[in-house]
Amino acid sequence: MDKRILEMCREIDAIKLTKAQEGVTVWAEKLLDDAERYRWMRVRHENTIMDIYSSISPAMVSPELLDAAIDAEMEKNT
């Protein structure tokens, strides 16, 4: 293969890799933002949420159990 063509292919691959990395970075930043919003909401509304869940199921009194319950409900609905 011509040396110039090979170099062009390498440049194209580098551009594609850079764009892919940028896309992953944007996705990861959104995911971290969503996680931070969830943590904030859970802490802020923890007492209300725990009151609701403890009235339904007294066993659900910790944030970890609440997360497990949310995960289980999400699993049922996907």
PDB file of N, CA and C in Angstrom:
ATOM      1  N   MET A   1       0.849  -1.174   0.000  1.00  0.00           N
ATOM      2  CA  MET A   1       0.000   0.000   0.000  1.00  0.00           C
ATOM      3  C   MET A   1       0.890   1.232   0.000  1.00  0.00           C
ATOM      4  N   ASP A   2       0.480   2.215  -0.749  1.00  0.00           N
ATOM      5  CA  ASP A   2       1.215   3.475  -0.831  1.00  0.00           C
ATOM      6  C   ASP A   2       1.353   4.080   0.569  1.00  0.00           C
ATOM      7  N   LYS A   3       2.520   4.605   0.860  1.00  0.00           N
ATOM      8  CA  LYS A   3       2.822   5.165   2.182  1.00  0.00           C
ATOM      9  C   LYS A   3       1.855   6.304   2.542  1.00  0.00           C
ATOM     10  N   ARG A   4       1.490   7.134   1.547  1.00  0.00           N
ATOM     11  CA  ARG A   4       0.566   8.249   1.803  1.00  0.00           C
ATOM     12  C   ARG A   4      -0.820   7.736   2.165  1.00  0.00           C
ATOM     13  N   ILE A   5      -1.261   6.710   1.487  1.00  0.00           N
ATOM     14  CA  ILE A   5      -2.582   6.132   1.769  1.00  0.00           C
ATOM     15  C   ILE A   5      -2.593   5.530   3.172  1.00  0.00           C
ATOM     16  N   LEU A   6      -1.536   4.829   3.503  1.00  0.00           N
ATOM     17  CA  LEU A   6      -1.430   4.245   4.838  1.00  0.00           C
ATOM     18  C   LEU A   6      -1.481   5.326   5.922  1.00  0.00           C
ATOM     19  N   GLU A   7      -0.779   6.422   5.707  1.00  0.00           N
ATOM     20  CA  GLU A   7      -0.780   7.540   6.657  1.00  0.00           C
ATOM     21  C   GLU A   7      -2.175   8.163   6.755  1.00  0.00           C
ATOM     22  N   MET A   8      -2.862   8.300   5.616  1.00  0.00           N
ATOM     23  CA  MET A   8      -4.227   8.840   5.621  1.00  0.00           C
ATOM     24  C   MET A   8      -5.166   7.927   6.413  1.00  0.00           C
ATOM     25  N   CYS A   9      -5.007   6.630   6.243  1.00  0.00           N
ATOM     26  CA  CYS A   9      -5.832   5.671   6.989  1.00  0.00           C
ATOM     27  C   CYS A   9      -5.584   5.797   8.491  1.00  0.00           C
ATOM     28  N   ARG A  10      -4.346   5.979   8.870  1.00  0.00           N
ATOM     29  CA  ARG A  10      -4.009   6.152  10.287  1.00  0.00           C
ATOM     30  C   ARG A  10      -4.649   7.432  10.835  1.00  0.00           C
ATOM     31  N   GLU A  11      -4.594   8.510  10.026  1.00  0.00           N
ATOM     32  CA  GLU A  11      -5.206   9.776  10.451  1.00  0.00           C
ATOM     33  C   GLU A  11      -6.717   9.622  10.606  1.00  0.00           C
ATOM     34  N   ILE A  12      -7.338   8.933   9.651  1.00  0.00           N
ATOM     35  CA  ILE A  12      -8.788   8.700   9.716  1.00  0.00           C
ATOM     36  C   ILE A  12      -9.121   7.878  10.961  1.00  0.00           C
ATOM     37  N   ASP A  13      -8.333   6.829  11.227  1.00  0.00           N
ATOM     38  CA  ASP A  13      -8.556   6.016  12.421  1.00  0.00           C
ATOM     39  C   ASP A  13      -8.408   6.846  13.691  1.00  0.00           C
ATOM     40  N   ALA A  14      -7.421   7.732  13.722  1.00  0.00           N
ATOM     41  CA  ALA A  14      -7.208   8.586  14.897  1.00  0.00           C
ATOM     42  C   ALA A  14      -8.398   9.528  15.091  1.00  0.00           C
ATOM     43  N   ILE A  15      -8.927  10.073  14.004  1.00  0.00           N
ATOM     44  CA  ILE A  15     -10.095  10.956  14.077  1.00  0.00           C
ATOM     45  C   ILE A  15     -11.309  10.184  14.589  1.00  0.00           C
ATOM     46  N   LYS A  16     -11.519   8.979  14.045  1.00  0.00           N
ATOM     47  CA  LYS A  16     -12.643   8.147  14.483  1.00  0.00           C
ATOM     48  C   LYS A  16     -12.515   7.813  15.969  1.00  0.00           C
ATOM     49  N   LEU A  17     -11.324   7.476  16.407  1.00  0.00           N
ATOM     50  CA  LEU A  17     -11.093   7.133  17.799  1.00  0.00           C
ATOM     51  C   LEU A  17     -11.371   8.334  18.702  1.00  0.00           C
ATOM     52  N   THR A  18     -10.904   9.502  18.281  1.00  0.00           N
ATOM     53  CA  THR A  18     -11.136  10.726  19.052  1.00  0.00           C
ATOM     54  C   THR A  18     -12.626  11.003  19.176  1.00  0.00           C
ATOM     55  N   LYS A  19     -13.379  10.883  18.077  1.00  0.00           N
ATOM     56  CA  LYS A  19     -14.818  11.118  18.112  1.00  0.00           C
ATOM     57  C   LYS A  19     -15.506  10.102  19.012  1.00  0.00           C
ATOM     58  N   ALA A  20     -15.091   8.851  18.934  1.00  0.00           N
ATOM     59  CA  ALA A  20     -15.683   7.816  19.782  1.00  0.00           C
ATOM     60  C   ALA A  20     -15.407   8.111  21.257  1.00  0.00           C
ATOM     61  N   GLN A  21     -14.186   8.531  21.561  1.00  0.00           N
ATOM     62  CA  GLN A  21     -13.837   8.852  22.943  1.00  0.00           C
ATOM     63  C   GLN A  21     -14.644  10.047  23.447  1.00  0.00           C
ATOM     64  N   GLU A  22     -14.850  11.038  22.574  1.00  0.00           N
ATOM     65  CA  GLU A  22     -15.664  12.194  22.953  1.00  0.00           C
ATOM     66  C   GLU A  22     -17.096  11.760  23.261  1.00  0.00           C
ATOM     67  N   GLY A  23     -17.630  10.855  22.440  1.00  0.00           N
ATOM     68  CA  GLY A  23     -18.991  10.344  22.661  1.00  0.00           C
ATOM     69  C   GLY A  23     -19.104   9.598  23.979  1.00  0.00           C
ATOM     70  N   VAL A  24     -18.109   8.790  24.280  1.00  0.00           N
ATOM     71  CA  VAL A  24     -18.106   8.048  25.546  1.00  0.00           C
ATOM     72  C   VAL A  24     -18.004   9.016  26.719  1.00  0.00           C
ATOM     73  N   THR A  25     -17.188  10.050  26.575  1.00  0.00           N
ATOM     74  CA  THR A  25     -17.040  11.041  27.644  1.00  0.00           C
ATOM     75  C   THR A  25     -18.359  11.753  27.911  1.00  0.00           C
ATOM     76  N   VAL A  26     -19.055  12.168  26.858  1.00  0.00           N
ATOM     77  CA  VAL A  26     -20.356  12.833  27.022  1.00  0.00           C
ATOM     78  C   VAL A  26     -21.338  11.893  27.697  1.00  0.00           C
ATOM     79  N   TRP A  27     -21.376  10.643  27.248  1.00  0.00           N
ATOM     80  CA  TRP A  27     -22.280   9.648  27.832  1.00  0.00           C
ATOM     81  C   TRP A  27     -21.952   9.433  29.310  1.00  0.00           C
ATOM     82  N   ALA A  28     -20.670   9.304  29.638  1.00  0.00           N
ATOM     83  CA  ALA A  28     -20.257   9.068  31.026  1.00  0.00           C
ATOM     84  C   ALA A  28     -20.592  10.267  31.908  1.00  0.00           C
ATOM     85  N   GLU A  29     -20.404  11.476  31.387  1.00  0.00           N
ATOM     86  CA  GLU A  29     -20.741  12.672  32.163  1.00  0.00           C
ATOM     87  C   GLU A  29     -22.234  12.732  32.440  1.00  0.00           C
ATOM     88  N   LYS A  30     -23.066  12.375  31.464  1.00  0.00           N
ATOM     89  CA  LYS A  30     -24.517  12.350  31.668  1.00  0.00           C
ATOM     90  C   LYS A  30     -24.877  11.293  32.706  1.00  0.00           C
ATOM     91  N   LEU A  31     -24.243  10.147  32.608  1.00  0.00           N
ATOM     92  CA  LEU A  31     -24.502   9.079  33.568  1.00  0.00           C
ATOM     93  C   LEU A  31     -24.128   9.514  34.990  1.00  0.00           C
ATOM     94  N   LEU A  32     -22.997  10.174  35.139  1.00  0.00           N
ATOM     95  CA  LEU A  32     -22.583  10.674  36.453  1.00  0.00           C
ATOM     96  C   LEU A  32     -23.543  11.744  36.965  1.00  0.00           C
ATOM     97  N   ASP A  33     -24.017  12.623  36.071  1.00  0.00           N
ATOM     98  CA  ASP A  33     -25.008  13.628  36.459  1.00  0.00           C
ATOM     99  C   ASP A  33     -26.296  12.966  36.938  1.00  0.00           C
ATOM    100  N   ASP A  34     -26.761  11.947  36.201  1.00  0.00           N
ATOM    101  CA  ASP A  34     -27.973  11.228  36.601  1.00  0.00           C
ATOM    102  C   ASP A  34     -27.790  10.565  37.958  1.00  0.00           C
ATOM    103  N   ALA A  35     -26.631   9.967  38.174  1.00  0.00           N
ATOM    104  CA  ALA A  35     -26.351   9.310  39.457  1.00  0.00           C
ATOM    105  C   ALA A  35     -26.336  10.335  40.585  1.00  0.00           C
ATOM    106  N   GLU A  36     -25.744  11.476  40.339  1.00  0.00           N
ATOM    107  CA  GLU A  36     -25.696  12.521  41.365  1.00  0.00           C
ATOM    108  C   GLU A  36     -27.092  13.045  41.672  1.00  0.00           C
ATOM    109  N   ARG A  37     -27.925  13.223  40.646  1.00  0.00           N
ATOM    110  CA  ARG A  37     -29.313  13.651  40.870  1.00  0.00           C
ATOM    111  C   ARG A  37     -30.064  12.618  41.704  1.00  0.00           C
ATOM    112  N   TYR A  38     -29.872  11.336  41.389  1.00  0.00           N
ATOM    113  CA  TYR A  38     -30.546  10.284  42.144  1.00  0.00           C
ATOM    114  C   TYR A  38     -30.103  10.305  43.605  1.00  0.00           C
ATOM    115  N   ARG A  39     -28.793  10.417  43.828  1.00  0.00           N
ATOM    116  CA  ARG A  39     -28.297  10.455  45.211  1.00  0.00           C
ATOM    117  C   ARG A  39     -28.872  11.645  45.964  1.00  0.00           C
ATOM    118  N   TRP A  40     -28.915  12.807  45.321  1.00  0.00           N
ATOM    119  CA  TRP A  40     -29.455  14.005  45.955  1.00  0.00           C
ATOM    120  C   TRP A  40     -30.926  13.800  46.289  1.00  0.00           C
ATOM    121  N   MET A  41     -31.684  13.268  45.311  1.00  0.00           N
ATOM    122  CA  MET A  41     -33.111  13.066  45.527  1.00  0.00           C
ATOM    123  C   MET A  41     -33.360  12.048  46.634  1.00  0.00           C
ATOM    124  N   ARG A  42     -32.585  10.979  46.620  1.00  0.00           N
ATOM    125  CA  ARG A  42     -32.776   9.947  47.631  1.00  0.00           C
ATOM    126  C   ARG A  42     -32.497  10.498  49.026  1.00  0.00           C
ATOM    127  N   VAL A  43     -31.426  11.259  49.194  1.00  0.00           N
ATOM    128  CA  VAL A  43     -31.094  11.830  50.499  1.00  0.00           C
ATOM    129  C   VAL A  43     -32.158  12.850  50.912  1.00  0.00           C
ATOM    130  N   ARG A  44     -32.514  13.699  49.976  1.00  0.00           N
ATOM    131  CA  ARG A  44     -33.474  14.765  50.303  1.00  0.00           C
ATOM    132  C   ARG A  44     -34.845  14.205  50.679  1.00  0.00           C
ATOM    133  N   HIS A  45     -35.264  13.162  49.996  1.00  0.00           N
ATOM    134  CA  HIS A  45     -36.602  12.617  50.205  1.00  0.00           C
ATOM    135  C   HIS A  45     -36.590  11.279  50.933  1.00  0.00           C
ATOM    136  N   GLU A  46     -35.466  10.950  51.530  1.00  0.00           N
ATOM    137  CA  GLU A  46     -35.318   9.642  52.153  1.00  0.00           C
ATOM    138  C   GLU A  46     -36.401   9.377  53.200  1.00  0.00           C
ATOM    139  N   ASN A  47     -36.672  10.351  54.059  1.00  0.00           N
ATOM    140  CA  ASN A  47     -37.677  10.128  55.102  1.00  0.00           C
ATOM    141  C   ASN A  47     -39.056   9.887  54.507  1.00  0.00           C
ATOM    142  N   THR A  48     -39.421  10.666  53.501  1.00  0.00           N
ATOM    143  CA  THR A  48     -40.726  10.474  52.861  1.00  0.00           C
ATOM    144  C   THR A  48     -40.796   9.110  52.196  1.00  0.00           C
ATOM    145  N   ILE A  49     -39.752   8.781  51.454  1.00  0.00           N
ATOM    146  CA  ILE A  49     -39.721   7.493  50.757  1.00  0.00           C
ATOM    147  C   ILE A  49     -39.762   6.350  51.767  1.00  0.00           C
ATOM    148  N   MET A  50     -38.977   6.483  52.835  1.00  0.00           N
ATOM    149  CA  MET A  50     -38.956   5.421  53.840  1.00  0.00           C
ATOM    150  C   MET A  50     -40.313   5.291  54.525  1.00  0.00           C
ATOM    151  N   ASP A  51     -40.993   6.418  54.783  1.00  0.00           N
ATOM    152  CA  ASP A  51     -42.331   6.351  55.383  1.00  0.00           C
ATOM    153  C   ASP A  51     -43.287   5.584  54.480  1.00  0.00           C
ATOM    154  N   ILE A  52     -43.227   5.889  53.177  1.00  0.00           N
ATOM    155  CA  ILE A  52     -44.107   5.201  52.229  1.00  0.00           C
ATOM    156  C   ILE A  52     -43.793   3.709  52.198  1.00  0.00           C
ATOM    157  N   TYR A  53     -42.512   3.374  52.037  1.00  0.00           N
ATOM    158  CA  TYR A  53     -42.135   1.962  51.939  1.00  0.00           C
ATOM    159  C   TYR A  53     -42.330   1.220  53.254  1.00  0.00           C
ATOM    160  N   SER A  54     -42.082   1.872  54.378  1.00  0.00           N
ATOM    161  CA  SER A  54     -42.250   1.166  55.646  1.00  0.00           C
ATOM    162  C   SER A  54     -43.719   0.910  55.928  1.00  0.00           C
ATOM    163  N   SER A  55     -44.609   1.775  55.404  1.00  0.00           N
ATOM    164  CA  SER A  55     -46.039   1.503  55.586  1.00  0.00           C
ATOM    165  C   SER A  55     -46.481   0.334  54.709  1.00  0.00           C
ATOM    166  N   ILE A  56     -45.810   0.160  53.567  1.00  0.00           N
ATOM    167  CA  ILE A  56     -46.121  -0.964  52.678  1.00  0.00           C
ATOM    168  C   ILE A  56     -45.415  -2.222  53.167  1.00  0.00           C
ATOM    169  N   SER A  57     -44.140  -2.068  53.492  1.00  0.00           N
ATOM    170  CA  SER A  57     -43.328  -3.198  53.927  1.00  0.00           C
ATOM    171  C   SER A  57     -42.357  -2.719  55.009  1.00  0.00           C
ATOM    172  N   PRO A  58     -42.658  -3.002  56.270  1.00  0.00           N
ATOM    173  CA  PRO A  58     -41.786  -2.536  57.356  1.00  0.00           C
ATOM    174  C   PRO A  58     -40.335  -2.980  57.226  1.00  0.00           C
ATOM    175  N   ALA A  59     -40.065  -4.016  56.441  1.00  0.00           N
ATOM    176  CA  ALA A  59     -38.689  -4.499  56.285  1.00  0.00           C
ATOM    177  C   ALA A  59     -37.842  -3.518  55.483  1.00  0.00           C
ATOM    178  N   MET A  60     -38.456  -2.613  54.730  1.00  0.00           N
ATOM    179  CA  MET A  60     -37.716  -1.684  53.889  1.00  0.00           C
ATOM    180  C   MET A  60     -37.428  -0.392  54.641  1.00  0.00           C
ATOM    181  N   VAL A  61     -36.354  -0.384  55.390  1.00  0.00           N
ATOM    182  CA  VAL A  61     -36.058   0.792  56.195  1.00  0.00           C
ATOM    183  C   VAL A  61     -34.656   1.353  55.958  1.00  0.00           C
ATOM    184  N   SER A  62     -33.914   0.826  55.007  1.00  0.00           N
ATOM    185  CA  SER A  62     -32.569   1.339  54.759  1.00  0.00           C
ATOM    186  C   SER A  62     -32.446   1.774  53.310  1.00  0.00           C
ATOM    187  N   PRO A  63     -31.550   2.724  53.035  1.00  0.00           N
ATOM    188  CA  PRO A  63     -31.333   3.144  51.643  1.00  0.00           C
ATOM    189  C   PRO A  63     -30.920   1.991  50.741  1.00  0.00           C
ATOM    190  N   GLU A  64     -30.144   1.061  51.273  1.00  0.00           N
ATOM    191  CA  GLU A  64     -29.703  -0.084  50.458  1.00  0.00           C
ATOM    192  C   GLU A  64     -30.896  -0.944  50.058  1.00  0.00           C
ATOM    193  N   LEU A  65     -31.807  -1.165  51.004  1.00  0.00           N
ATOM    194  CA  LEU A  65     -32.999  -1.953  50.677  1.00  0.00           C
ATOM    195  C   LEU A  65     -33.898  -1.201  49.704  1.00  0.00           C
ATOM    196  N   LEU A  66     -33.959   0.113  49.867  1.00  0.00           N
ATOM    197  CA  LEU A  66     -34.729   0.920  48.924  1.00  0.00           C
ATOM    198  C   LEU A  66     -34.141   0.785  47.522  1.00  0.00           C
ATOM    199  N   ASP A  67     -32.820   0.880  47.395  1.00  0.00           N
ATOM    200  CA  ASP A  67     -32.176   0.706  46.090  1.00  0.00           C
ATOM    201  C   ASP A  67     -32.483  -0.674  45.515  1.00  0.00           C
ATOM    202  N   ALA A  68     -32.447  -1.689  46.360  1.00  0.00           N
ATOM    203  CA  ALA A  68     -32.743  -3.051  45.895  1.00  0.00           C
ATOM    204  C   ALA A  68     -34.182  -3.148  45.401  1.00  0.00           C
ATOM    205  N   ALA A  69     -35.098  -2.503  46.112  1.00  0.00           N
ATOM    206  CA  ALA A  69     -36.503  -2.518  45.700  1.00  0.00           C
ATOM    207  C   ALA A  69     -36.681  -1.791  44.366  1.00  0.00           C
ATOM    208  N   ILE A  70     -36.009  -0.656  44.216  1.00  0.00           N
ATOM    209  CA  ILE A  70     -36.078   0.091  42.953  1.00  0.00           C
ATOM    210  C   ILE A  70     -35.511  -0.760  41.825  1.00  0.00           C
ATOM    211  N   ASP A  71     -34.365  -1.401  42.060  1.00  0.00           N
ATOM    212  CA  ASP A  71     -33.757  -2.259  41.040  1.00  0.00           C
ATOM    213  C   ASP A  71     -34.700  -3.390  40.642  1.00  0.00           C
ATOM    214  N   ALA A  72     -35.354  -3.989  41.642  1.00  0.00           N
ATOM    215  CA  ALA A  72     -36.272  -5.096  41.349  1.00  0.00           C
ATOM    216  C   ALA A  72     -37.458  -4.620  40.514  1.00  0.00           C
ATOM    217  N   GLU A  73     -38.016  -3.455  40.849  1.00  0.00           N
ATOM    218  CA  GLU A  73     -39.121  -2.908  40.074  1.00  0.00           C
ATOM    219  C   GLU A  73     -38.695  -2.560  38.648  1.00  0.00           C
ATOM    220  N   MET A  74     -37.493  -1.991  38.529  1.00  0.00           N
ATOM    221  CA  MET A  74     -37.001  -1.664  37.193  1.00  0.00           C
ATOM    222  C   MET A  74     -36.836  -2.938  36.363  1.00  0.00           C
ATOM    223  N   GLU A  75     -36.335  -3.986  36.992  1.00  0.00           N
ATOM    224  CA  GLU A  75     -36.129  -5.264  36.295  1.00  0.00           C
ATOM    225  C   GLU A  75     -37.457  -5.827  35.793  1.00  0.00           C
ATOM    226  N   LYS A  76     -38.505  -5.691  36.609  1.00  0.00           N
ATOM    227  CA  LYS A  76     -39.835  -6.188  36.202  1.00  0.00           C
ATOM    228  C   LYS A  76     -40.372  -5.435  34.998  1.00  0.00           C
ATOM    229  N   ASN A  77     -40.025  -4.163  34.884  1.00  0.00           N
ATOM    230  CA  ASN A  77     -40.594  -3.308  33.855  1.00  0.00           C
ATOM    231  C   ASN A  77     -39.718  -3.165  32.616  1.00  0.00           C
ATOM    232  N   THR A  78     -38.665  -3.963  32.527  1.00  0.00           N
ATOM    233  CA  THR A  78     -37.816  -3.877  31.336  1.00  0.00           C
ATOM    234  C   THR A  78     -37.877  -5.152  30.536  1.00  0.00           C
TER     235      THR A  78
END
